[in-house]
Amino acid sequence: MIKLTYLTKKRMILSRWLASGLAQLVLWFVSYKQGSATLAMAENIINKVN
């Protein structure tokens, strides 16, 4: 019984860690996509000026 609760606790911690890691990955991906889009826009503006 103690072993079961220990494993369950461990599994909960692991799933929480995975979920937060996944959320961070998604946030990083979104910000990366937005950043590259902003960079492309900036390049277009610079090219128009030149």
PDB file of N, CA and C in Angstrom:
ATOM      1  N   MET A   1       0.829  -1.206   0.000  1.00  0.00           N
ATOM      2  CA  MET A   1       0.000   0.000   0.000  1.00  0.00           C
ATOM      3  C   MET A   1       0.868   1.264   0.000  1.00  0.00           C
ATOM      4  N   ILE A   2       1.904   1.261   0.844  1.00  0.00           N
ATOM      5  CA  ILE A   2       2.809   2.414   0.915  1.00  0.00           C
ATOM      6  C   ILE A   2       3.558   2.554  -0.415  1.00  0.00           C
ATOM      7  N   LYS A   3       3.963   1.403  -0.970  1.00  0.00           N
ATOM      8  CA  LYS A   3       4.685   1.402  -2.236  1.00  0.00           C
ATOM      9  C   LYS A   3       3.815   1.979  -3.356  1.00  0.00           C
ATOM     10  N   LEU A   4       2.530   1.636  -3.324  1.00  0.00           N
ATOM     11  CA  LEU A   4       1.594   2.102  -4.346  1.00  0.00           C
ATOM     12  C   LEU A   4       1.444   3.620  -4.295  1.00  0.00           C
ATOM     13  N   THR A   5       1.254   4.152  -3.094  1.00  0.00           N
ATOM     14  CA  THR A   5       1.101   5.604  -2.965  1.00  0.00           C
ATOM     15  C   THR A   5       2.392   6.318  -3.358  1.00  0.00           C
ATOM     16  N   TYR A   6       3.519   5.710  -3.047  1.00  0.00           N
ATOM     17  CA  TYR A   6       4.812   6.291  -3.422  1.00  0.00           C
ATOM     18  C   TYR A   6       4.938   6.366  -4.939  1.00  0.00           C
ATOM     19  N   LEU A   7       4.558   5.262  -5.608  1.00  0.00           N
ATOM     20  CA  LEU A   7       4.609   5.227  -7.065  1.00  0.00           C
ATOM     21  C   LEU A   7       3.637   6.223  -7.679  1.00  0.00           C
ATOM     22  N   THR A   8       2.453   6.313  -7.091  1.00  0.00           N
ATOM     23  CA  THR A   8       1.445   7.250  -7.589  1.00  0.00           C
ATOM     24  C   THR A   8       1.945   8.681  -7.453  1.00  0.00           C
ATOM     25  N   LYS A   9       2.558   8.975  -6.315  1.00  0.00           N
ATOM     26  CA  LYS A   9       3.112  10.309  -6.071  1.00  0.00           C
ATOM     27  C   LYS A   9       4.210  10.616  -7.085  1.00  0.00           C
ATOM     28  N   LYS A  10       5.048   9.616  -7.325  1.00  0.00           N
ATOM     29  CA  LYS A  10       6.140   9.768  -8.280  1.00  0.00           C
ATOM     30  C   LYS A  10       5.596  10.009  -9.686  1.00  0.00           C
ATOM     31  N   ARG A  11       4.553   9.258 -10.032  1.00  0.00           N
ATOM     32  CA  ARG A  11       3.937   9.386 -11.347  1.00  0.00           C
ATOM     33  C   ARG A  11       3.297  10.762 -11.518  1.00  0.00           C
ATOM     34  N   MET A  12       2.675  11.261 -10.444  1.00  0.00           N
ATOM     35  CA  MET A  12       2.053  12.588 -10.484  1.00  0.00           C
ATOM     36  C   MET A  12       3.096  13.674 -10.700  1.00  0.00           C
ATOM     37  N   ILE A  13       4.211  13.553  -9.999  1.00  0.00           N
ATOM     38  CA  ILE A  13       5.302  14.516 -10.137  1.00  0.00           C
ATOM     39  C   ILE A  13       5.852  14.466 -11.563  1.00  0.00           C
ATOM     40  N   LEU A  14       6.016  13.261 -12.084  1.00  0.00           N
ATOM     41  CA  LEU A  14       6.543  13.086 -13.434  1.00  0.00           C
ATOM     42  C   LEU A  14       5.609  13.677 -14.475  1.00  0.00           C
ATOM     43  N   SER A  15       4.311  13.405 -14.340  1.00  0.00           N
ATOM     44  CA  SER A  15       3.342  13.916 -15.309  1.00  0.00           C
ATOM     45  C   SER A  15       3.253  15.439 -15.237  1.00  0.00           C
ATOM     46  N   ARG A  16       3.356  15.976 -14.018  1.00  0.00           N
ATOM     47  CA  ARG A  16       3.334  17.434 -13.850  1.00  0.00           C
ATOM     48  C   ARG A  16       4.565  18.048 -14.500  1.00  0.00           C
ATOM     49  N   TRP A  17       5.712  17.397 -14.326  1.00  0.00           N
ATOM     50  CA  TRP A  17       6.968  17.866 -14.914  1.00  0.00           C
ATOM     51  C   TRP A  17       6.892  17.829 -16.437  1.00  0.00           C
ATOM     52  N   LEU A  18       6.317  16.726 -16.965  1.00  0.00           N
ATOM     53  CA  LEU A  18       6.162  16.594 -18.411  1.00  0.00           C
ATOM     54  C   LEU A  18       5.217  17.652 -18.954  1.00  0.00           C
ATOM     55  N   ALA A  19       4.125  17.896 -18.236  1.00  0.00           N
ATOM     56  CA  ALA A  19       3.136  18.883 -18.672  1.00  0.00           C
ATOM     57  C   ALA A  19       3.743  20.280 -18.710  1.00  0.00           C
ATOM     58  N   SER A  20       4.503  20.639 -17.679  1.00  0.00           N
ATOM     59  CA  SER A  20       5.115  21.965 -17.639  1.00  0.00           C
ATOM     60  C   SER A  20       6.187  22.090 -18.722  1.00  0.00           C
ATOM     61  N   GLY A  21       6.916  21.015 -18.959  1.00  0.00           N
ATOM     62  CA  GLY A  21       7.922  21.010 -20.012  1.00  0.00           C
ATOM     63  C   GLY A  21       7.288  21.173 -21.378  1.00  0.00           C
ATOM     64  N   LEU A  22       6.167  20.507 -21.586  1.00  0.00           N
ATOM     65  CA  LEU A  22       5.438  20.597 -22.849  1.00  0.00           C
ATOM     66  C   LEU A  22       4.902  22.003 -23.046  1.00  0.00           C
ATOM     67  N   ALA A  23       4.371  22.592 -21.982  1.00  0.00           N
ATOM     68  CA  ALA A  23       3.840  23.956 -22.040  1.00  0.00           C
ATOM     69  C   ALA A  23       4.952  24.945 -22.388  1.00  0.00           C
ATOM     70  N   GLN A  24       6.117  24.766 -21.775  1.00  0.00           N
ATOM     71  CA  GLN A  24       7.256  25.641 -22.063  1.00  0.00           C
ATOM     72  C   GLN A  24       7.703  25.497 -23.511  1.00  0.00           C
ATOM     73  N   LEU A  25       7.671  24.256 -24.014  1.00  0.00           N
ATOM     74  CA  LEU A  25       8.061  23.999 -25.391  1.00  0.00           C
ATOM     75  C   LEU A  25       7.114  24.695 -26.357  1.00  0.00           C
ATOM     76  N   VAL A  26       5.814  24.596 -26.074  1.00  0.00           N
ATOM     77  CA  VAL A  26       4.803  25.247 -26.916  1.00  0.00           C
ATOM     78  C   VAL A  26       4.989  26.763 -26.885  1.00  0.00           C
ATOM     79  N   LEU A  27       5.194  27.312 -25.684  1.00  0.00           N
ATOM     80  CA  LEU A  27       5.404  28.756 -25.545  1.00  0.00           C
ATOM     81  C   LEU A  27       6.654  29.198 -26.301  1.00  0.00           C
ATOM     82  N   TRP A  28       7.725  28.409 -26.186  1.00  0.00           N
ATOM     83  CA  TRP A  28       8.966  28.727 -26.891  1.00  0.00           C
ATOM     84  C   TRP A  28       8.745  28.696 -28.393  1.00  0.00           C
ATOM     85  N   PHE A  29       7.996  27.674 -28.860  1.00  0.00           N
ATOM     86  CA  PHE A  29       7.734  27.521 -30.287  1.00  0.00           C
ATOM     87  C   PHE A  29       6.929  28.700 -30.816  1.00  0.00           C
ATOM     88  N   VAL A  30       5.904  29.096 -30.047  1.00  0.00           N
ATOM     89  CA  VAL A  30       5.056  30.219 -30.455  1.00  0.00           C
ATOM     90  C   VAL A  30       5.867  31.511 -30.507  1.00  0.00           C
ATOM     91  N   SER A  31       6.665  31.757 -29.482  1.00  0.00           N
ATOM     92  CA  SER A  31       7.472  32.978 -29.442  1.00  0.00           C
ATOM     93  C   SER A  31       8.531  32.950 -30.543  1.00  0.00           C
ATOM     94  N   TYR A  32       9.052  31.766 -30.854  1.00  0.00           N
ATOM     95  CA  TYR A  32      10.032  31.621 -31.927  1.00  0.00           C
ATOM     96  C   TYR A  32       9.395  31.956 -33.266  1.00  0.00           C
ATOM     97  N   LYS A  33       8.171  31.417 -33.484  1.00  0.00           N
ATOM     98  CA  LYS A  33       7.446  31.680 -34.723  1.00  0.00           C
ATOM     99  C   LYS A  33       7.145  33.169 -34.852  1.00  0.00           C
ATOM    100  N   GLN A  34       6.700  33.787 -33.763  1.00  0.00           N
ATOM    101  CA  GLN A  34       6.393  35.215 -33.769  1.00  0.00           C
ATOM    102  C   GLN A  34       7.666  36.024 -33.995  1.00  0.00           C
ATOM    103  N   GLY A  35       8.747  35.588 -33.370  1.00  0.00           N
ATOM    104  CA  GLY A  35      10.023  36.276 -33.509  1.00  0.00           C
ATOM    105  C   GLY A  35      10.531  36.228 -34.936  1.00  0.00           C
ATOM    106  N   SER A  36      10.434  35.065 -35.577  1.00  0.00           N
ATOM    107  CA  SER A  36      10.888  34.936 -36.956  1.00  0.00           C
ATOM    108  C   SER A  36       9.977  35.721 -37.893  1.00  0.00           C
ATOM    109  N   ALA A  37       8.679  35.798 -37.562  1.00  0.00           N
ATOM    110  CA  ALA A  37       7.744  36.582 -38.366  1.00  0.00           C
ATOM    111  C   ALA A  37       8.087  38.064 -38.250  1.00  0.00           C
ATOM    112  N   THR A  38       8.393  38.504 -37.032  1.00  0.00           N
ATOM    113  CA  THR A  38       8.774  39.899 -36.796  1.00  0.00           C
ATOM    114  C   THR A  38      10.075  40.209 -37.524  1.00  0.00           C
ATOM    115  N   LEU A  39      10.995  39.271 -37.501  1.00  0.00           N
ATOM    116  CA  LEU A  39      12.276  39.439 -38.176  1.00  0.00           C
ATOM    117  C   LEU A  39      12.072  39.568 -39.682  1.00  0.00           C
ATOM    118  N   ALA A  40      11.190  38.742 -40.234  1.00  0.00           N
ATOM    119  CA  ALA A  40      10.893  38.789 -41.665  1.00  0.00           C
ATOM    120  C   ALA A  40      10.261  40.128 -42.032  1.00  0.00           C
ATOM    121  N   MET A  41       9.370  40.620 -41.175  1.00  0.00           N
ATOM    122  CA  MET A  41       8.733  41.914 -41.408  1.00  0.00           C
ATOM    123  C   MET A  41       9.771  43.026 -41.378  1.00  0.00           C
ATOM    124  N   ALA A  42      10.672  42.966 -40.411  1.00  0.00           N
ATOM    125  CA  ALA A  42      11.730  43.968 -40.283  1.00  0.00           C
ATOM    126  C   ALA A  42      12.630  43.944 -41.516  1.00  0.00           C
ATOM    127  N   GLU A  43      12.945  42.757 -42.005  1.00  0.00           N
ATOM    128  CA  GLU A  43      13.774  42.617 -43.202  1.00  0.00           C
ATOM    129  C   GLU A  43      13.080  43.219 -44.414  1.00  0.00           C
ATOM    130  N   ASN A  44      11.765  43.003 -44.522  1.00  0.00           N
ATOM    131  CA  ASN A  44      10.998  43.572 -45.628  1.00  0.00           C
ATOM    132  C   ASN A  44      11.025  45.091 -45.586  1.00  0.00           C
ATOM    133  N   ILE A  45      10.876  45.655 -44.391  1.00  0.00           N
ATOM    134  CA  ILE A  45      10.893  47.114 -44.220  1.00  0.00           C
ATOM    135  C   ILE A  45      12.263  47.664 -44.589  1.00  0.00           C
ATOM    136  N   ILE A  46      13.314  46.990 -44.128  1.00  0.00           N
ATOM    137  CA  ILE A  46      14.687  47.423 -44.420  1.00  0.00           C
ATOM    138  C   ILE A  46      14.944  47.361 -45.927  1.00  0.00           C
ATOM    139  N   ASN A  47      14.469  46.295 -46.565  1.00  0.00           N
ATOM    140  CA  ASN A  47      14.658  46.151 -48.006  1.00  0.00           C
ATOM    141  C   ASN A  47      13.906  47.231 -48.779  1.00  0.00           C
ATOM    142  N   LYS A  48      12.734  47.616 -48.289  1.00  0.00           N
ATOM    143  CA  LYS A  48      11.959  48.676 -48.938  1.00  0.00           C
ATOM    144  C   LYS A  48      12.664  50.018 -48.806  1.00  0.00           C
ATOM    145  N   VAL A  49      13.263  50.262 -47.641  1.00  0.00           N
ATOM    146  CA  VAL A  49      13.985  51.515 -47.405  1.00  0.00           C
ATOM    147  C   VAL A  49      15.209  51.579 -48.316  1.00  0.00           C
ATOM    148  N   ASN A  50      15.928  50.476 -48.428  1.00  0.00           N
ATOM    149  CA  ASN A  50      17.099  50.409 -49.294  1.00  0.00           C
ATOM    150  C   ASN A  50      16.630  50.201 -50.711  1.00  0.00           C
TER     151      ASN A  50
END
